[in-house]
Every structure is written in structure tokens, then in C-alpha cells.
Amino acid sequence: MSAGGAFGGNRGARPVPPEKGVFPLDHLHECDLEKKDYLACLKSTGAQSEKCRMFSKKYLECRMERNLMAKQDMSELGFSNTDVVVTPSEKNNKLESPTSDSKEKK
């Protein structure tokens, strides 16, 4: 038998750490609200993560603020400055047509 250990074990290959490093788990549930919002969004959209990017961004920001992961620029994590949360009142303001357009048509 080989001295490699049960189920193959370590056969001289060195383990490779994850690319982003190890970060602590949220044992104190400091970012539970953000996590639950993201998971609820995934559930309501049929796991279409692109529709839940704003919740993902909030969750990562929460983890960075509480030192649960290394602070990084959001652009390094795949987010751009255009990935912002738009509230319903802001959407309504964007849908209204400017008054100058109605004057030009008359």
C-alpha cells in the first residue's frame, strides 16, 4: 500500500490557496439582511443573477465595511459605476418627458 493516506491523500502536491485569499465567515450575522435580500431576489427572478446585481453589490460592500473580506474597488469585482440602485421615485422622474419637448411639437 502507498503511504499517501486514505482516499489518495497528499501525494506530494502542494495545496494552492484561493485566488482572492481566505476570508472569515459571518458568524455574527452582520450581513444577514443583505444576504437574505440577494437570495430573495434570486428566488423571485428564477436565479437570474444579472437582475440581482445591486443586492450582490450591497452584500459585498457590507462584508468589506465589517472587515469580513479585503477592501477592493468594486470595479475589480465586476461592478461599474453604472451599477447603482434606482429607487421607484427616480424611475418615475426619468419616465416623465421634459416640458421643452412638448413645446417644440406645438
PDB file of N, CA and C in Angstrom:
ATOM      1  N   MET A   1       0.828  -1.181   0.000  1.00  0.00           N
ATOM      2  CA  MET A   1       0.000   0.000   0.000  1.00  0.00           C
ATOM      3  C   MET A   1       0.875   1.248   0.000  1.00  0.00           C
ATOM      4  N   SER A   2       0.314   2.291  -0.485  1.00  0.00           N
ATOM      5  CA  SER A   2       1.007   3.563  -0.567  1.00  0.00           C
ATOM      6  C   SER A   2       0.911   4.309   0.756  1.00  0.00           C
ATOM      7  N   ALA A   3       1.863   5.167   1.026  1.00  0.00           N
ATOM      8  CA  ALA A   3       1.863   5.958   2.260  1.00  0.00           C
ATOM      9  C   ALA A   3       1.178   7.296   2.050  1.00  0.00           C
ATOM     10  N   GLY A   4       0.334   7.402   1.013  1.00  0.00           N
ATOM     11  CA  GLY A   4      -0.312   8.672   0.682  1.00  0.00           C
ATOM     12  C   GLY A   4      -1.504   9.013   1.542  1.00  0.00           C
ATOM     13  N   GLY A   5      -2.011   8.098   2.346  1.00  0.00           N
ATOM     14  CA  GLY A   5      -3.153   8.394   3.196  1.00  0.00           C
ATOM     15  C   GLY A   5      -4.434   7.846   2.604  1.00  0.00           C
ATOM     16  N   ALA A   6      -5.499   7.966   3.364  1.00  0.00           N
ATOM     17  CA  ALA A   6      -6.799   7.466   2.926  1.00  0.00           C
ATOM     18  C   ALA A   6      -7.301   8.246   1.717  1.00  0.00           C
ATOM     19  N   PHE A   7      -7.942   7.557   0.805  1.00  0.00           N
ATOM     20  CA  PHE A   7      -8.547   8.134  -0.390  1.00  0.00           C
ATOM     21  C   PHE A   7      -7.543   8.903  -1.243  1.00  0.00           C
ATOM     22  N   GLY A   8      -6.330   8.493  -1.241  1.00  0.00           N
ATOM     23  CA  GLY A   8      -5.339   9.146  -2.088  1.00  0.00           C
ATOM     24  C   GLY A   8      -4.461  10.091  -1.311  1.00  0.00           C
ATOM     25  N   GLY A   9      -5.039  10.864  -0.430  1.00  0.00           N
ATOM     26  CA  GLY A   9      -4.280  11.769   0.429  1.00  0.00           C
ATOM     27  C   GLY A   9      -3.358  12.700  -0.332  1.00  0.00           C
ATOM     28  N   ASN A  10      -2.416  13.257   0.364  1.00  0.00           N
ATOM     29  CA  ASN A  10      -1.447  14.178  -0.217  1.00  0.00           C
ATOM     30  C   ASN A  10      -0.298  13.373  -0.807  1.00  0.00           C
ATOM     31  N   ARG A  11      -0.151  13.441  -2.088  1.00  0.00           N
ATOM     32  CA  ARG A  11       0.913  12.678  -2.762  1.00  0.00           C
ATOM     33  C   ARG A  11       2.022  13.613  -3.238  1.00  0.00           C
ATOM     34  N   GLY A  12       2.373  14.555  -2.392  1.00  0.00           N
ATOM     35  CA  GLY A  12       3.466  15.454  -2.744  1.00  0.00           C
ATOM     36  C   GLY A  12       3.006  16.742  -3.396  1.00  0.00           C
ATOM     37  N   ALA A  13       1.752  16.810  -3.810  1.00  0.00           N
ATOM     38  CA  ALA A  13       1.253  18.037  -4.422  1.00  0.00           C
ATOM     39  C   ALA A  13       0.954  19.065  -3.327  1.00  0.00           C
ATOM     40  N   ARG A  14       1.423  20.252  -3.512  1.00  0.00           N
ATOM     41  CA  ARG A  14       1.188  21.309  -2.530  1.00  0.00           C
ATOM     42  C   ARG A  14      -0.170  21.951  -2.792  1.00  0.00           C
ATOM     43  N   PRO A  15      -0.929  22.231  -1.745  1.00  0.00           N
ATOM     44  CA  PRO A  15      -2.224  22.880  -1.944  1.00  0.00           C
ATOM     45  C   PRO A  15      -2.046  24.309  -2.449  1.00  0.00           C
ATOM     46  N   VAL A  16      -2.961  24.739  -3.279  1.00  0.00           N
ATOM     47  CA  VAL A  16      -2.910  26.084  -3.845  1.00  0.00           C
ATOM     48  C   VAL A  16      -4.010  26.916  -3.181  1.00  0.00           C
ATOM     49  N   PRO A  17      -3.653  28.065  -2.599  1.00  0.00           N
ATOM     50  CA  PRO A  17      -4.671  28.892  -1.951  1.00  0.00           C
ATOM     51  C   PRO A  17      -5.613  29.507  -2.977  1.00  0.00           C
ATOM     52  N   PRO A  18      -6.828  29.881  -2.562  1.00  0.00           N
ATOM     53  CA  PRO A  18      -7.757  30.538  -3.490  1.00  0.00           C
ATOM     54  C   PRO A  18      -7.169  31.845  -4.001  1.00  0.00           C
ATOM     55  N   GLU A  19      -7.610  32.267  -5.177  1.00  0.00           N
ATOM     56  CA  GLU A  19      -7.060  33.467  -5.800  1.00  0.00           C
ATOM     57  C   GLU A  19      -7.251  34.706  -4.932  1.00  0.00           C
ATOM     58  N   LYS A  20      -8.444  34.870  -4.343  1.00  0.00           N
ATOM     59  CA  LYS A  20      -8.736  36.061  -3.551  1.00  0.00           C
ATOM     60  C   LYS A  20      -8.353  35.896  -2.084  1.00  0.00           C
ATOM     61  N   GLY A  21      -7.872  34.760  -1.688  1.00  0.00           N
ATOM     62  CA  GLY A  21      -7.492  34.532  -0.307  1.00  0.00           C
ATOM     63  C   GLY A  21      -8.656  34.022   0.518  1.00  0.00           C
ATOM     64  N   VAL A  22      -8.398  33.772   1.775  1.00  0.00           N
ATOM     65  CA  VAL A  22      -9.407  33.248   2.675  1.00  0.00           C
ATOM     66  C   VAL A  22     -10.027  34.414   3.430  1.00  0.00           C
ATOM     67  N   PHE A  23     -11.326  34.390   3.569  1.00  0.00           N
ATOM     68  CA  PHE A  23     -11.984  35.439   4.342  1.00  0.00           C
ATOM     69  C   PHE A  23     -12.853  34.798   5.404  1.00  0.00           C
ATOM     70  N   PRO A  24     -13.031  35.476   6.539  1.00  0.00           N
ATOM     71  CA  PRO A  24     -13.806  34.884   7.626  1.00  0.00           C
ATOM     72  C   PRO A  24     -15.287  34.774   7.296  1.00  0.00           C
ATOM     73  N   LEU A  25     -15.907  33.754   7.854  1.00  0.00           N
ATOM     74  CA  LEU A  25     -17.344  33.596   7.705  1.00  0.00           C
ATOM     75  C   LEU A  25     -18.052  34.618   8.586  1.00  0.00           C
ATOM     76  N   ASP A  26     -19.280  34.898   8.274  1.00  0.00           N
ATOM     77  CA  ASP A  26     -20.069  35.890   9.002  1.00  0.00           C
ATOM     78  C   ASP A  26     -20.763  35.217  10.190  1.00  0.00           C
ATOM     79  N   HIS A  27     -19.969  34.809  11.176  1.00  0.00           N
ATOM     80  CA  HIS A  27     -20.517  34.102  12.332  1.00  0.00           C
ATOM     81  C   HIS A  27     -21.471  34.963  13.149  1.00  0.00           C
ATOM     82  N   LEU A  28     -21.273  36.271  13.144  1.00  0.00           N
ATOM     83  CA  LEU A  28     -22.126  37.173  13.929  1.00  0.00           C
ATOM     84  C   LEU A  28     -23.338  37.667  13.137  1.00  0.00           C
ATOM     85  N   HIS A  29     -23.481  37.182  11.916  1.00  0.00           N
ATOM     86  CA  HIS A  29     -24.631  37.518  11.050  1.00  0.00           C
ATOM     87  C   HIS A  29     -24.762  39.028  10.832  1.00  0.00           C
ATOM     88  N   GLU A  30     -23.629  39.679  10.626  1.00  0.00           N
ATOM     89  CA  GLU A  30     -23.617  41.127  10.433  1.00  0.00           C
ATOM     90  C   GLU A  30     -24.198  41.538   9.086  1.00  0.00           C
ATOM     91  N   CYS A  31     -24.127  40.667   8.098  1.00  0.00           N
ATOM     92  CA  CYS A  31     -24.614  40.993   6.755  1.00  0.00           C
ATOM     93  C   CYS A  31     -25.777  40.100   6.351  1.00  0.00           C
ATOM     94  N   ASP A  32     -26.510  39.583   7.322  1.00  0.00           N
ATOM     95  CA  ASP A  32     -27.634  38.688   7.030  1.00  0.00           C
ATOM     96  C   ASP A  32     -28.730  39.361   6.211  1.00  0.00           C
ATOM     97  N   LEU A  33     -29.037  40.621   6.521  1.00  0.00           N
ATOM     98  CA  LEU A  33     -30.103  41.312   5.794  1.00  0.00           C
ATOM     99  C   LEU A  33     -29.765  41.408   4.311  1.00  0.00           C
ATOM    100  N   GLU A  34     -28.530  41.802   4.008  1.00  0.00           N
ATOM    101  CA  GLU A  34     -28.102  41.925   2.611  1.00  0.00           C
ATOM    102  C   GLU A  34     -28.102  40.561   1.918  1.00  0.00           C
ATOM    103  N   LYS A  35     -27.656  39.538   2.656  1.00  0.00           N
ATOM    104  CA  LYS A  35     -27.633  38.185   2.089  1.00  0.00           C
ATOM    105  C   LYS A  35     -29.050  37.699   1.792  1.00  0.00           C
ATOM    106  N   LYS A  36     -29.967  37.936   2.726  1.00  0.00           N
ATOM    107  CA  LYS A  36     -31.355  37.499   2.536  1.00  0.00           C
ATOM    108  C   LYS A  36     -32.018  38.248   1.387  1.00  0.00           C
ATOM    109  N   ASP A  37     -31.721  39.549   1.251  1.00  0.00           N
ATOM    110  CA  ASP A  37     -32.264  40.323   0.130  1.00  0.00           C
ATOM    111  C   ASP A  37     -31.788  39.744  -1.205  1.00  0.00           C
ATOM    112  N   TYR A  38     -30.503  39.403  -1.277  1.00  0.00           N
ATOM    113  CA  TYR A  38     -29.941  38.849  -2.504  1.00  0.00           C
ATOM    114  C   TYR A  38     -30.569  37.494  -2.825  1.00  0.00           C
ATOM    115  N   LEU A  39     -30.668  36.632  -1.818  1.00  0.00           N
ATOM    116  CA  LEU A  39     -31.246  35.307  -2.048  1.00  0.00           C
ATOM    117  C   LEU A  39     -32.721  35.395  -2.426  1.00  0.00           C
ATOM    118  N   ALA A  40     -33.454  36.334  -1.824  1.00  0.00           N
ATOM    119  CA  ALA A  40     -34.862  36.528  -2.177  1.00  0.00           C
ATOM    120  C   ALA A  40     -34.987  37.007  -3.620  1.00  0.00           C
ATOM    121  N   CYS A  41     -34.076  37.882  -4.031  1.00  0.00           N
ATOM    122  CA  CYS A  41     -34.082  38.366  -5.419  1.00  0.00           C
ATOM    123  C   CYS A  41     -33.822  37.211  -6.377  1.00  0.00           C
ATOM    124  N   LEU A  42     -32.834  36.382  -6.057  1.00  0.00           N
ATOM    125  CA  LEU A  42     -32.541  35.223  -6.911  1.00  0.00           C
ATOM    126  C   LEU A  42     -33.754  34.314  -7.034  1.00  0.00           C
ATOM    127  N   LYS A  43     -34.432  34.100  -5.918  1.00  0.00           N
ATOM    128  CA  LYS A  43     -35.599  33.225  -5.924  1.00  0.00           C
ATOM    129  C   LYS A  43     -36.725  33.824  -6.768  1.00  0.00           C
ATOM    130  N   SER A  44     -36.938  35.135  -6.640  1.00  0.00           N
ATOM    131  CA  SER A  44     -38.047  35.771  -7.362  1.00  0.00           C
ATOM    132  C   SER A  44     -37.771  35.928  -8.860  1.00  0.00           C
ATOM    133  N   THR A  45     -36.494  35.932  -9.254  1.00  0.00           N
ATOM    134  CA  THR A  45     -36.157  36.090 -10.674  1.00  0.00           C
ATOM    135  C   THR A  45     -35.792  34.777 -11.343  1.00  0.00           C
ATOM    136  N   GLY A  46     -35.972  33.672 -10.645  1.00  0.00           N
ATOM    137  CA  GLY A  46     -35.614  32.383 -11.232  1.00  0.00           C
ATOM    138  C   GLY A  46     -34.122  32.210 -11.376  1.00  0.00           C
ATOM    139  N   ALA A  47     -33.363  32.662 -10.389  1.00  0.00           N
ATOM    140  CA  ALA A  47     -31.898  32.533 -10.342  1.00  0.00           C
ATOM    141  C   ALA A  47     -31.190  33.287 -11.465  1.00  0.00           C
ATOM    142  N   GLN A  48     -31.755  34.390 -11.917  1.00  0.00           N
ATOM    143  CA  GLN A  48     -31.102  35.227 -12.923  1.00  0.00           C
ATOM    144  C   GLN A  48     -30.281  36.284 -12.187  1.00  0.00           C
ATOM    145  N   SER A  49     -29.029  35.969 -11.947  1.00  0.00           N
ATOM    146  CA  SER A  49     -28.181  36.798 -11.093  1.00  0.00           C
ATOM    147  C   SER A  49     -27.961  38.205 -11.637  1.00  0.00           C
ATOM    148  N   GLU A  50     -28.007  38.368 -12.950  1.00  0.00           N
ATOM    149  CA  GLU A  50     -27.780  39.711 -13.508  1.00  0.00           C
ATOM    150  C   GLU A  50     -28.861  40.699 -13.060  1.00  0.00           C
ATOM    151  N   LYS A  51     -30.052  40.209 -12.741  1.00  0.00           N
ATOM    152  CA  LYS A  51     -31.126  41.082 -12.268  1.00  0.00           C
ATOM    153  C   LYS A  51     -30.966  41.432 -10.794  1.00  0.00           C
ATOM    154  N   CYS A  52     -30.043  40.768 -10.111  1.00  0.00           N
ATOM    155  CA  CYS A  52     -29.849  40.964  -8.671  1.00  0.00           C
ATOM    156  C   CYS A  52     -28.489  41.571  -8.350  1.00  0.00           C
ATOM    157  N   ARG A  53     -27.847  42.173  -9.339  1.00  0.00           N
ATOM    158  CA  ARG A  53     -26.504  42.720  -9.139  1.00  0.00           C
ATOM    159  C   ARG A  53     -26.455  43.763  -8.035  1.00  0.00           C
ATOM    160  N   MET A  54     -27.495  44.569  -7.909  1.00  0.00           N
ATOM    161  CA  MET A  54     -27.483  45.621  -6.887  1.00  0.00           C
ATOM    162  C   MET A  54     -27.437  45.006  -5.485  1.00  0.00           C
ATOM    163  N   PHE A  55     -28.120  43.864  -5.287  1.00  0.00           N
ATOM    164  CA  PHE A  55     -28.112  43.205  -3.984  1.00  0.00           C
ATOM    165  C   PHE A  55     -26.760  42.544  -3.724  1.00  0.00           C
ATOM    166  N   SER A  56     -26.169  41.992  -4.765  1.00  0.00           N
ATOM    167  CA  SER A  56     -24.851  41.390  -4.648  1.00  0.00           C
ATOM    168  C   SER A  56     -23.821  42.452  -4.258  1.00  0.00           C
ATOM    169  N   LYS A  57     -23.921  43.606  -4.884  1.00  0.00           N
ATOM    170  CA  LYS A  57     -23.001  44.709  -4.591  1.00  0.00           C
ATOM    171  C   LYS A  57     -23.166  45.175  -3.145  1.00  0.00           C
ATOM    172  N   LYS A  58     -24.414  45.299  -2.681  1.00  0.00           N
ATOM    173  CA  LYS A  58     -24.661  45.706  -1.292  1.00  0.00           C
ATOM    174  C   LYS A  58     -24.067  44.697  -0.316  1.00  0.00           C
ATOM    175  N   TYR A  59     -24.210  43.416  -0.619  1.00  0.00           N
ATOM    176  CA  TYR A  59     -23.688  42.368   0.249  1.00  0.00           C
ATOM    177  C   TYR A  59     -22.160  42.445   0.327  1.00  0.00           C
ATOM    178  N   LEU A  60     -21.508  42.583  -0.805  1.00  0.00           N
ATOM    179  CA  LEU A  60     -20.048  42.669  -0.806  1.00  0.00           C
ATOM    180  C   LEU A  60     -19.569  43.922  -0.083  1.00  0.00           C
ATOM    181  N   GLU A  61     -20.277  45.046  -0.272  1.00  0.00           N
ATOM    182  CA  GLU A  61     -19.912  46.274   0.433  1.00  0.00           C
ATOM    183  C   GLU A  61     -20.058  46.098   1.938  1.00  0.00           C
ATOM    184  N   CYS A  62     -21.116  45.411   2.366  1.00  0.00           N
ATOM    185  CA  CYS A  62     -21.325  45.138   3.788  1.00  0.00           C
ATOM    186  C   CYS A  62     -20.160  44.324   4.341  1.00  0.00           C
ATOM    187  N   ARG A  63     -19.751  43.300   3.622  1.00  0.00           N
ATOM    188  CA  ARG A  63     -18.646  42.458   4.088  1.00  0.00           C
ATOM    189  C   ARG A  63     -17.347  43.248   4.182  1.00  0.00           C
ATOM    190  N   MET A  64     -17.110  44.144   3.229  1.00  0.00           N
ATOM    191  CA  MET A  64     -15.895  44.953   3.267  1.00  0.00           C
ATOM    192  C   MET A  64     -15.923  45.935   4.431  1.00  0.00           C
ATOM    193  N   GLU A  65     -17.084  46.560   4.678  1.00  0.00           N
ATOM    194  CA  GLU A  65     -17.202  47.526   5.776  1.00  0.00           C
ATOM    195  C   GLU A  65     -16.942  46.877   7.125  1.00  0.00           C
ATOM    196  N   ARG A  66     -17.278  45.612   7.260  1.00  0.00           N
ATOM    197  CA  ARG A  66     -17.147  44.913   8.540  1.00  0.00           C
ATOM    198  C   ARG A  66     -15.908  44.021   8.596  1.00  0.00           C
ATOM    199  N   ASN A  67     -14.982  44.248   7.676  1.00  0.00           N
ATOM    200  CA  ASN A  67     -13.716  43.506   7.607  1.00  0.00           C
ATOM    201  C   ASN A  67     -13.911  41.995   7.515  1.00  0.00           C
ATOM    202  N   LEU A  68     -14.953  41.570   6.810  1.00  0.00           N
ATOM    203  CA  LEU A  68     -15.168  40.149   6.560  1.00  0.00           C
ATOM    204  C   LEU A  68     -14.546  39.728   5.237  1.00  0.00           C
ATOM    205  N   MET A  69     -14.042  40.691   4.500  1.00  0.00           N
ATOM    206  CA  MET A  69     -13.267  40.421   3.292  1.00  0.00           C
ATOM    207  C   MET A  69     -12.386  41.635   3.026  1.00  0.00           C
ATOM    208  N   ALA A  70     -11.372  41.459   2.231  1.00  0.00           N
ATOM    209  CA  ALA A  70     -10.453  42.546   1.925  1.00  0.00           C
ATOM    210  C   ALA A  70     -11.174  43.640   1.155  1.00  0.00           C
ATOM    211  N   LYS A  71     -10.863  44.886   1.483  1.00  0.00           N
ATOM    212  CA  LYS A  71     -11.460  46.014   0.767  1.00  0.00           C
ATOM    213  C   LYS A  71     -10.851  46.085  -0.627  1.00  0.00           C
ATOM    214  N   GLN A  72     -11.747  46.165  -1.622  1.00  0.00           N
ATOM    215  CA  GLN A  72     -11.333  46.266  -3.024  1.00  0.00           C
ATOM    216  C   GLN A  72     -12.250  47.245  -3.725  1.00  0.00           C
ATOM    217  N   ASP A  73     -11.743  47.796  -4.789  1.00  0.00           N
ATOM    218  CA  ASP A  73     -12.582  48.638  -5.623  1.00  0.00           C
ATOM    219  C   ASP A  73     -13.631  47.749  -6.282  1.00  0.00           C
ATOM    220  N   MET A  74     -14.875  48.230  -6.334  1.00  0.00           N
ATOM    221  CA  MET A  74     -15.955  47.417  -6.879  1.00  0.00           C
ATOM    222  C   MET A  74     -15.724  47.074  -8.349  1.00  0.00           C
ATOM    223  N   SER A  75     -14.968  47.908  -9.061  1.00  0.00           N
ATOM    224  CA  SER A  75     -14.685  47.606 -10.472  1.00  0.00           C
ATOM    225  C   SER A  75     -13.824  46.348 -10.596  1.00  0.00           C
ATOM    226  N   GLU A  76     -13.007  46.058  -9.573  1.00  0.00           N
ATOM    227  CA  GLU A  76     -12.199  44.846  -9.588  1.00  0.00           C
ATOM    228  C   GLU A  76     -13.053  43.596  -9.360  1.00  0.00           C
ATOM    229  N   LEU A  77     -14.257  43.789  -8.830  1.00  0.00           N
ATOM    230  CA  LEU A  77     -15.158  42.671  -8.557  1.00  0.00           C
ATOM    231  C   LEU A  77     -16.232  42.530  -9.631  1.00  0.00           C
ATOM    232  N   GLY A  78     -16.082  43.290 -10.717  1.00  0.00           N
ATOM    233  CA  GLY A  78     -17.009  43.146 -11.839  1.00  0.00           C
ATOM    234  C   GLY A  78     -18.146  44.144 -11.858  1.00  0.00           C
ATOM    235  N   PHE A  79     -18.096  45.145 -10.993  1.00  0.00           N
ATOM    236  CA  PHE A  79     -19.144  46.166 -10.962  1.00  0.00           C
ATOM    237  C   PHE A  79     -18.604  47.455 -11.556  1.00  0.00           C
ATOM    238  N   SER A  80     -19.489  48.217 -12.179  1.00  0.00           N
ATOM    239  CA  SER A  80     -19.092  49.502 -12.724  1.00  0.00           C
ATOM    240  C   SER A  80     -19.828  50.600 -11.974  1.00  0.00           C
ATOM    241  N   ASN A  81     -19.492  51.833 -12.276  1.00  0.00           N
ATOM    242  CA  ASN A  81     -20.172  52.963 -11.630  1.00  0.00           C
ATOM    243  C   ASN A  81     -21.635  53.045 -12.030  1.00  0.00           C
ATOM    244  N   THR A  82     -22.009  52.397 -13.126  1.00  0.00           N
ATOM    245  CA  THR A  82     -23.403  52.434 -13.570  1.00  0.00           C
ATOM    246  C   THR A  82     -24.259  51.430 -12.831  1.00  0.00           C
ATOM    247  N   ASP A  83     -23.642  50.551 -12.025  1.00  0.00           N
ATOM    248  CA  ASP A  83     -24.386  49.572 -11.234  1.00  0.00           C
ATOM    249  C   ASP A  83     -24.866  50.235  -9.948  1.00  0.00           C
ATOM    250  N   VAL A  84     -25.883  51.064 -10.057  1.00  0.00           N
ATOM    251  CA  VAL A  84     -26.423  51.752  -8.894  1.00  0.00           C
ATOM    252  C   VAL A  84     -27.862  51.344  -8.705  1.00  0.00           C
ATOM    253  N   VAL A  85     -28.336  51.516  -7.489  1.00  0.00           N
ATOM    254  CA  VAL A  85     -29.717  51.189  -7.175  1.00  0.00           C
ATOM    255  C   VAL A  85     -30.592  52.366  -7.569  1.00  0.00           C
ATOM    256  N   VAL A  86     -31.617  52.119  -8.364  1.00  0.00           N
ATOM    257  CA  VAL A  86     -32.554  53.158  -8.775  1.00  0.00           C
ATOM    258  C   VAL A  86     -33.855  52.938  -8.021  1.00  0.00           C
ATOM    259  N   THR A  87     -34.241  53.945  -7.246  1.00  0.00           N
ATOM    260  CA  THR A  87     -35.475  53.831  -6.482  1.00  0.00           C
ATOM    261  C   THR A  87     -36.670  54.066  -7.390  1.00  0.00           C
ATOM    262  N   PRO A  88     -37.870  53.614  -7.001  1.00  0.00           N
ATOM    263  CA  PRO A  88     -39.052  53.814  -7.830  1.00  0.00           C
ATOM    264  C   PRO A  88     -39.328  55.292  -8.139  1.00  0.00           C
ATOM    265  N   SER A  89     -39.064  56.204  -7.196  1.00  0.00           N
ATOM    266  CA  SER A  89     -39.308  57.630  -7.464  1.00  0.00           C
ATOM    267  C   SER A  89     -38.354  58.154  -8.528  1.00  0.00           C
ATOM    268  N   GLU A  90     -37.108  57.652  -8.543  1.00  0.00           N
ATOM    269  CA  GLU A  90     -36.165  58.061  -9.582  1.00  0.00           C
ATOM    270  C   GLU A  90     -36.600  57.545 -10.945  1.00  0.00           C
ATOM    271  N   LYS A  91     -37.168  56.344 -10.991  1.00  0.00           N
ATOM    272  CA  LYS A  91     -37.663  55.798 -12.254  1.00  0.00           C
ATOM    273  C   LYS A  91     -38.787  56.666 -12.796  1.00  0.00           C
ATOM    274  N   ASN A  92     -39.699  57.106 -11.923  1.00  0.00           N
ATOM    275  CA  ASN A  92     -40.817  57.943 -12.349  1.00  0.00           C
ATOM    276  C   ASN A  92     -40.326  59.266 -12.904  1.00  0.00           C
ATOM    277  N   ASN A  93     -39.297  59.843 -12.300  1.00  0.00           N
ATOM    278  CA  ASN A  93     -38.744  61.112 -12.784  1.00  0.00           C
ATOM    279  C   ASN A  93     -38.113  60.944 -14.156  1.00  0.00           C
ATOM    280  N   LYS A  94     -37.507  59.794 -14.414  1.00  0.00           N
ATOM    281  CA  LYS A  94     -36.866  59.556 -15.709  1.00  0.00           C
ATOM    282  C   LYS A  94     -37.903  59.312 -16.804  1.00  0.00           C
ATOM    283  N   LEU A  95     -39.075  58.804 -16.430  1.00  0.00           N
ATOM    284  CA  LEU A  95     -40.100  58.499 -17.418  1.00  0.00           C
ATOM    285  C   LEU A  95     -40.857  59.743 -17.875  1.00  0.00           C
ATOM    286  N   GLU A  96     -40.891  60.761 -17.027  1.00  0.00           N
ATOM    287  CA  GLU A  96     -41.605  61.977 -17.404  1.00  0.00           C
ATOM    288  C   GLU A  96     -40.851  62.682 -18.521  1.00  0.00           C
ATOM    289  N   SER A  97     -41.584  63.171 -19.508  1.00  0.00           N
ATOM    290  CA  SER A  97     -40.937  63.867 -20.610  1.00  0.00           C
ATOM    291  C   SER A  97     -40.699  65.317 -20.222  1.00  0.00           C
ATOM    292  N   PRO A  98     -39.603  65.889 -20.655  1.00  0.00           N
ATOM    293  CA  PRO A  98     -39.323  67.284 -20.347  1.00  0.00           C
ATOM    294  C   PRO A  98     -40.345  68.196 -21.014  1.00  0.00           C
ATOM    295  N   THR A  99     -40.593  69.329 -20.413  1.00  0.00           N
ATOM    296  CA  THR A  99     -41.598  70.266 -20.942  1.00  0.00           C
ATOM    297  C   THR A  99     -41.142  70.896 -22.245  1.00  0.00           C
ATOM    298  N   SER A 100     -39.848  70.971 -22.497  1.00  0.00           N
ATOM    299  CA  SER A 100     -39.348  71.570 -23.735  1.00  0.00           C
ATOM    300  C   SER A 100     -39.750  70.734 -24.954  1.00  0.00           C
ATOM    301  N   ASP A 101     -39.862  69.403 -24.789  1.00  0.00           N
ATOM    302  CA  ASP A 101     -40.276  68.559 -25.908  1.00  0.00           C
ATOM    303  C   ASP A 101     -41.698  68.851 -26.328  1.00  0.00           C
ATOM    304  N   SER A 102     -42.578  69.079 -25.378  1.00  0.00           N
ATOM    305  CA  SER A 102     -43.977  69.328 -25.713  1.00  0.00           C
ATOM    306  C   SER A 102     -44.143  70.694 -26.374  1.00  0.00           C
ATOM    307  N   LYS A 103     -43.288  71.664 -26.033  1.00  0.00           N
ATOM    308  CA  LYS A 103     -43.378  72.983 -26.637  1.00  0.00           C
ATOM    309  C   LYS A 103     -42.926  72.943 -28.092  1.00  0.00           C
ATOM    310  N   GLU A 104     -41.905  72.101 -28.393  1.00  0.00           N
ATOM    311  CA  GLU A 104     -41.383  72.018 -29.754  1.00  0.00           C
ATOM    312  C   GLU A 104     -42.400  71.420 -30.709  1.00  0.00           C
ATOM    313  N   LYS A 105     -43.255  70.533 -30.213  1.00  0.00           N
ATOM    314  CA  LYS A 105     -44.226  69.861 -31.069  1.00  0.00           C
ATOM    315  C   LYS A 105     -45.383  70.770 -31.432  1.00  0.00           C
ATOM    316  N   LYS A 106     -45.632  71.804 -30.639  1.00  0.00           N
ATOM    317  CA  LYS A 106     -46.786  72.691 -30.893  1.00  0.00           C
ATOM    318  C   LYS A 106     -46.531  73.695 -31.962  1.00  0.00           C
TER     319      LYS A 106
END
